[in-house]
Amino acid sequence: MIDTHAHLYDEQFAEDIDTIIARSKAQGVTRVYLPNCDSTTIDGMMQLSQHHPDYCFPMMGIHPCYIKENYKDELAIVSQWLEKHRFAAIGEIGLDYYWDQTFIAEQKEAFRLQIDLALAQELPIVIHSRNATQDCIDIVREKQNGQLRGIFHCFGDDLAAAEQIIDLGFKLGIGGVVTFKNSSLPEVLQQVDLQHLVLETDAPYLAPVPYRGKRNESSYIPLIAHKIAEIKGMEVEAVAQITTQNALQLFK
């Protein structure tokens, strides 16, 4: 199994990161992809990926919540890193209207510019979309030239949104939310073929049941796989195999 989205460089893991990684390996998680947030998170992310080069794979990009007046300076740093290092993806990038709507115009501009970087580098994109799904879909559609690929991370929207995303050739990143009692995701996923899904934790956030509210970690990926298997009436081994292939194909 693959965790396509985990912030394992977060300070919440500073004391026990080697234990966390050993635990996730023991649970059958073979790779973890690390999304970047902004220029301040790059060093920690790169150090972790250098310590675990065949296990932790870094992305490069600016998270929409970190887009402020200085976003062009931040994007220049992203470009510099892309010139000197090969990354797994451009991410996480996108739009977030939940926390603060001050910089929506800048978020959209940064999203478009980072999609252009991904196309130039022939890399997938990993999209953060919160209270902004249709705008994210519209921008991806505008930029889709047949080469653009990626994940709508932490997908939690309705079937209509899922169908639009799939029509654009993108995957849905499914995490701990699928295990929550009040989640509408199970009904949506009943209608979505497994070939369109990848697994993720978003660690240290959004831990699945029974760890909801606690620190999330990559070793909880099997809990998400088991829930998807239950929803779809499949063997968990099939969910693990197909979602792993989906991820490897995407991050080729």
Protein backbone atom coordinates (compact mmCIF):
# COMPACT_ATOMS: atom_id res chain seq x y z
CA MET A 1 0.00 0.00 0.00
CA ILE A 2 1.06 3.58 -0.61
CA ASP A 3 0.38 6.70 1.44
CA THR A 4 0.11 9.34 -1.28
CA HIS A 5 -0.08 12.29 1.14
CA ALA A 6 1.59 12.67 4.54
CA HIS A 7 3.39 15.55 6.26
CA LEU A 8 5.82 13.28 8.13
CA TYR A 9 8.31 16.15 8.42
CA ASP A 10 5.82 17.96 10.70
CA GLU A 11 7.14 18.87 14.17
CA GLN A 12 4.53 16.51 15.68
CA PHE A 13 6.76 13.65 14.46
CA ALA A 14 10.09 15.15 15.55
CA GLU A 15 10.55 12.84 18.55
CA ASP A 16 9.66 9.49 16.97
CA ILE A 17 9.82 9.69 13.17
CA ASP A 18 11.98 6.55 12.82
CA THR A 19 9.47 4.59 14.91
CA ILE A 20 6.61 5.99 12.80
CA ILE A 21 8.30 4.87 9.58
CA ALA A 22 9.16 1.43 10.99
CA ARG A 23 5.53 1.04 12.08
CA SER A 24 4.18 1.99 8.66
CA LYS A 25 6.56 -0.46 6.94
CA ALA A 26 5.39 -3.19 9.31
CA GLN A 27 1.79 -2.43 8.26
CA GLY A 28 2.63 -2.96 4.59
CA VAL A 29 3.01 0.68 3.53
CA THR A 30 5.76 0.63 0.91
CA ARG A 31 6.02 4.34 0.02
CA VAL A 32 5.01 7.72 1.43
CA TYR A 33 4.70 10.89 -0.64
CA LEU A 34 5.45 14.17 1.15
CA PRO A 35 3.59 17.33 0.05
CA ASN A 36 5.32 20.64 0.70
CA CYS A 37 3.63 23.66 2.33
CA ASP A 38 5.90 26.67 1.78
CA SER A 39 9.57 27.71 1.85
CA THR A 40 9.83 27.08 5.62
CA THR A 41 8.94 23.37 5.30
CA ILE A 42 11.35 22.48 2.49
CA ASP A 43 14.44 21.78 4.62
CA GLY A 44 12.66 19.39 6.98
CA MET A 45 10.97 17.62 4.10
CA MET A 46 14.22 17.23 2.16
CA GLN A 47 16.12 15.98 5.22
CA LEU A 48 13.48 13.32 5.85
CA SER A 49 13.49 12.18 2.22
CA GLN A 50 17.31 12.01 2.26
CA HIS A 51 17.26 9.86 5.41
CA HIS A 52 14.68 7.54 3.83
CA PRO A 53 15.40 7.90 0.08
CA ASP A 54 13.52 4.83 -1.11
CA TYR A 55 10.56 5.40 1.17
CA CYS A 56 9.77 9.12 1.48
CA PHE A 57 9.31 10.97 -1.81
CA PRO A 58 9.07 14.79 -1.72
CA MET A 59 6.83 17.07 -3.75
CA MET A 60 7.40 20.77 -4.37
CA GLY A 61 4.81 23.54 -4.26
CA ILE A 62 3.04 26.14 -2.14
CA HIS A 63 -0.09 25.17 -0.20
CA PRO A 64 -2.93 27.67 -0.83
CA CYS A 65 -3.20 28.56 2.88
CA TYR A 66 0.38 29.88 2.68
CA ILE A 67 -0.29 32.16 -0.30
CA LYS A 68 0.11 35.76 0.88
CA GLU A 69 1.37 39.06 -0.60
CA ASN A 70 4.83 37.51 -1.09
CA TYR A 71 3.58 34.56 -3.15
CA LYS A 72 5.79 35.46 -6.13
CA ASP A 73 8.89 35.21 -3.90
CA GLU A 74 7.67 31.82 -2.66
CA LEU A 75 7.06 30.64 -6.23
CA ALA A 76 10.58 31.74 -7.20
CA ILE A 77 11.94 29.44 -4.47
CA VAL A 78 9.80 26.59 -5.83
CA SER A 79 11.22 27.18 -9.32
CA GLN A 80 14.80 27.19 -7.99
CA TRP A 81 14.27 23.85 -6.27
CA LEU A 82 12.71 22.35 -9.40
CA GLU A 83 15.85 23.29 -11.34
CA LYS A 84 18.18 21.41 -8.99
CA HIS A 85 16.14 18.42 -7.80
CA ARG A 86 13.70 15.89 -9.22
CA PHE A 87 10.42 15.83 -7.29
CA ALA A 88 7.57 13.32 -7.36
CA ALA A 89 4.91 15.96 -8.01
CA ILE A 90 3.97 19.62 -7.72
CA GLY A 91 2.03 19.83 -4.48
CA GLU A 92 0.25 20.54 -2.57
CA ILE A 93 -1.32 23.32 -4.57
CA GLY A 94 -4.85 24.59 -5.10
CA LEU A 95 -7.47 26.75 -3.44
CA ASP A 96 -8.71 27.09 0.15
CA TYR A 97 -11.65 29.38 0.90
CA TYR A 98 -12.29 27.93 4.36
CA TRP A 99 -9.73 29.68 6.55
CA ASP A 100 -9.22 33.04 4.87
CA GLN A 101 -10.57 34.62 1.69
CA THR A 102 -8.20 37.60 1.66
CA PHE A 103 -5.92 36.21 -1.04
CA ILE A 104 -8.30 34.32 -3.34
CA ALA A 105 -7.05 36.12 -6.46
CA GLU A 106 -3.45 35.35 -5.49
CA GLN A 107 -4.36 31.72 -4.75
CA LYS A 108 -5.85 31.34 -8.23
CA GLU A 109 -2.83 32.94 -9.87
CA ALA A 110 -0.41 30.76 -7.87
CA PHE A 111 -2.45 27.65 -8.70
CA ARG A 112 -2.32 28.39 -12.43
CA LEU A 113 1.41 29.19 -12.35
CA GLN A 114 2.20 25.98 -10.46
CA ILE A 115 0.14 23.93 -12.92
CA ASP A 116 2.29 25.47 -15.67
CA LEU A 117 5.41 24.36 -13.78
CA ALA A 118 4.00 20.83 -13.55
CA LEU A 119 3.28 20.73 -17.27
CA ALA A 120 6.77 22.02 -18.08
CA GLN A 121 8.33 19.37 -15.80
CA GLU A 122 5.88 16.64 -16.89
CA LEU A 123 4.94 16.08 -13.25
CA PRO A 124 1.57 15.27 -11.65
CA ILE A 125 -0.11 17.80 -9.37
CA VAL A 126 -1.58 17.17 -5.94
CA ILE A 127 -4.52 19.48 -5.29
CA HIS A 128 -5.71 20.89 -1.98
CA SER A 129 -9.30 22.04 -2.38
CA ARG A 130 -11.35 23.25 0.57
CA ASN A 131 -14.70 24.98 0.01
CA ALA A 132 -13.36 25.57 -3.50
CA THR A 133 -13.87 22.34 -5.41
CA GLN A 134 -15.69 23.75 -8.44
CA ASP A 135 -13.15 26.55 -8.88
CA CYS A 136 -10.32 23.98 -8.70
CA ILE A 137 -12.07 21.77 -11.24
CA ASP A 138 -12.64 24.74 -13.56
CA ILE A 139 -8.97 25.77 -13.44
CA VAL A 140 -7.80 22.19 -14.07
CA ARG A 141 -10.23 21.95 -17.00
CA GLU A 142 -8.91 25.24 -18.39
CA LYS A 143 -5.32 23.92 -18.16
CA GLN A 144 -5.98 20.32 -19.24
CA ASN A 145 -4.10 19.76 -22.48
CA GLY A 146 -4.13 15.98 -22.29
CA GLN A 147 -0.89 15.89 -20.29
CA LEU A 148 -2.07 17.17 -16.91
CA ARG A 149 -2.59 14.48 -14.28
CA GLY A 150 -2.85 14.30 -10.52
CA ILE A 151 -4.89 13.84 -7.36
CA PHE A 152 -7.67 15.80 -5.71
CA HIS A 153 -6.32 15.12 -2.23
CA CYS A 154 -8.62 14.55 0.75
CA PHE A 155 -11.63 14.19 -1.52
CA GLY A 156 -14.89 14.70 0.35
CA ASP A 157 -17.35 16.07 -2.17
CA ASP A 158 -20.42 14.67 -3.91
CA LEU A 159 -20.72 12.28 -6.85
CA ALA A 160 -21.15 15.11 -9.37
CA ALA A 161 -17.77 16.55 -8.33
CA ALA A 162 -16.18 13.09 -8.38
CA GLU A 163 -17.43 12.51 -11.93
CA GLN A 164 -16.04 15.86 -13.13
CA ILE A 165 -12.66 15.07 -11.55
CA ILE A 166 -12.56 11.59 -13.08
CA ASP A 167 -13.55 13.00 -16.49
CA LEU A 168 -10.45 15.21 -16.26
CA GLY A 169 -8.30 12.10 -15.77
CA PHE A 170 -7.59 12.81 -12.10
CA LYS A 171 -7.60 10.49 -9.07
CA LEU A 172 -9.50 10.94 -5.82
CA GLY A 173 -7.32 10.85 -2.69
CA ILE A 174 -9.25 8.97 0.00
CA GLY A 175 -8.24 9.34 3.64
CA GLY A 176 -9.49 8.95 7.18
CA VAL A 177 -12.69 10.93 6.58
CA VAL A 178 -14.15 7.86 4.84
CA THR A 179 -14.24 6.12 8.25
CA PHE A 180 -16.12 8.94 10.04
CA LYS A 181 -19.67 8.14 11.14
CA ASN A 182 -21.18 11.26 9.53
CA SER A 183 -19.25 10.96 6.25
CA SER A 184 -21.18 10.92 2.98
CA LEU A 185 -18.13 9.48 1.19
CA PRO A 186 -19.21 5.81 1.42
CA GLU A 187 -22.31 6.51 -0.71
CA VAL A 188 -20.18 8.35 -3.27
CA LEU A 189 -17.50 5.65 -3.40
CA GLN A 190 -20.08 2.95 -4.06
CA GLN A 191 -20.52 4.64 -7.46
CA VAL A 192 -16.80 5.16 -8.23
CA ASP A 193 -14.54 2.53 -9.77
CA LEU A 194 -11.47 1.65 -7.72
CA GLN A 195 -9.18 2.57 -10.63
CA HIS A 196 -9.88 6.23 -9.82
CA LEU A 197 -8.81 6.05 -6.15
CA VAL A 198 -5.55 6.39 -4.24
CA LEU A 199 -5.03 6.07 -0.48
CA GLU A 200 -3.70 8.82 1.78
CA THR A 201 -3.50 9.80 5.44
CA ASP A 202 -2.76 13.57 5.44
CA ALA A 203 -0.82 12.76 8.63
CA PRO A 204 -0.66 14.23 11.24
CA TYR A 205 -4.24 15.36 10.47
CA LEU A 206 -7.57 13.52 9.96
CA ALA A 207 -6.77 10.20 11.64
CA PRO A 208 -9.25 7.43 10.81
CA VAL A 209 -11.55 5.77 13.33
CA PRO A 210 -10.67 4.51 15.98
CA TYR A 211 -7.89 7.12 16.22
CA ARG A 212 -10.02 10.10 15.20
CA GLY A 213 -8.85 13.27 16.95
CA LYS A 214 -5.39 11.85 17.63
CA ARG A 215 -2.17 12.25 15.65
CA ASN A 216 -2.48 10.49 12.32
CA GLU A 217 0.34 8.41 10.83
CA SER A 218 1.07 6.40 7.70
CA SER A 219 0.65 3.05 9.48
CA TYR A 220 -3.12 3.74 9.53
CA ILE A 221 -3.40 3.34 5.74
CA PRO A 222 -4.74 -0.25 6.13
CA LEU A 223 -7.71 1.11 8.12
CA ILE A 224 -8.66 3.24 5.11
CA ALA A 225 -8.15 0.32 2.72
CA HIS A 226 -10.34 -1.92 4.91
CA LYS A 227 -13.12 0.69 4.94
CA ILE A 228 -13.04 1.03 1.14
CA ALA A 229 -13.11 -2.77 0.80
CA GLU A 230 -16.15 -2.88 3.09
CA ILE A 231 -17.93 -0.14 1.10
CA LYS A 232 -17.27 -1.84 -2.22
CA GLY A 233 -17.76 -5.44 -1.09
CA MET A 234 -14.23 -6.40 -2.09
CA GLU A 235 -11.25 -8.13 -0.54
CA VAL A 236 -8.88 -5.66 1.11
CA GLU A 237 -6.00 -7.22 -0.87
CA ALA A 238 -7.66 -6.09 -4.10
CA VAL A 239 -8.07 -2.55 -2.76
CA ALA A 240 -4.40 -2.51 -1.71
CA GLN A 241 -3.18 -3.84 -5.06
CA ILE A 242 -5.27 -1.60 -7.30
CA THR A 243 -4.73 1.64 -5.35
CA THR A 244 -0.99 0.90 -5.22
CA GLN A 245 -0.89 0.46 -8.99
CA ASN A 246 -2.88 3.68 -9.41
CA ALA A 247 -0.34 5.58 -7.31
CA LEU A 248 2.73 4.09 -9.02
CA GLN A 249 1.26 4.88 -12.43
CA LEU A 250 0.59 8.47 -11.41
CA PHE A 251 3.97 9.15 -9.78
CA LYS A 252 5.96 7.46 -12.54
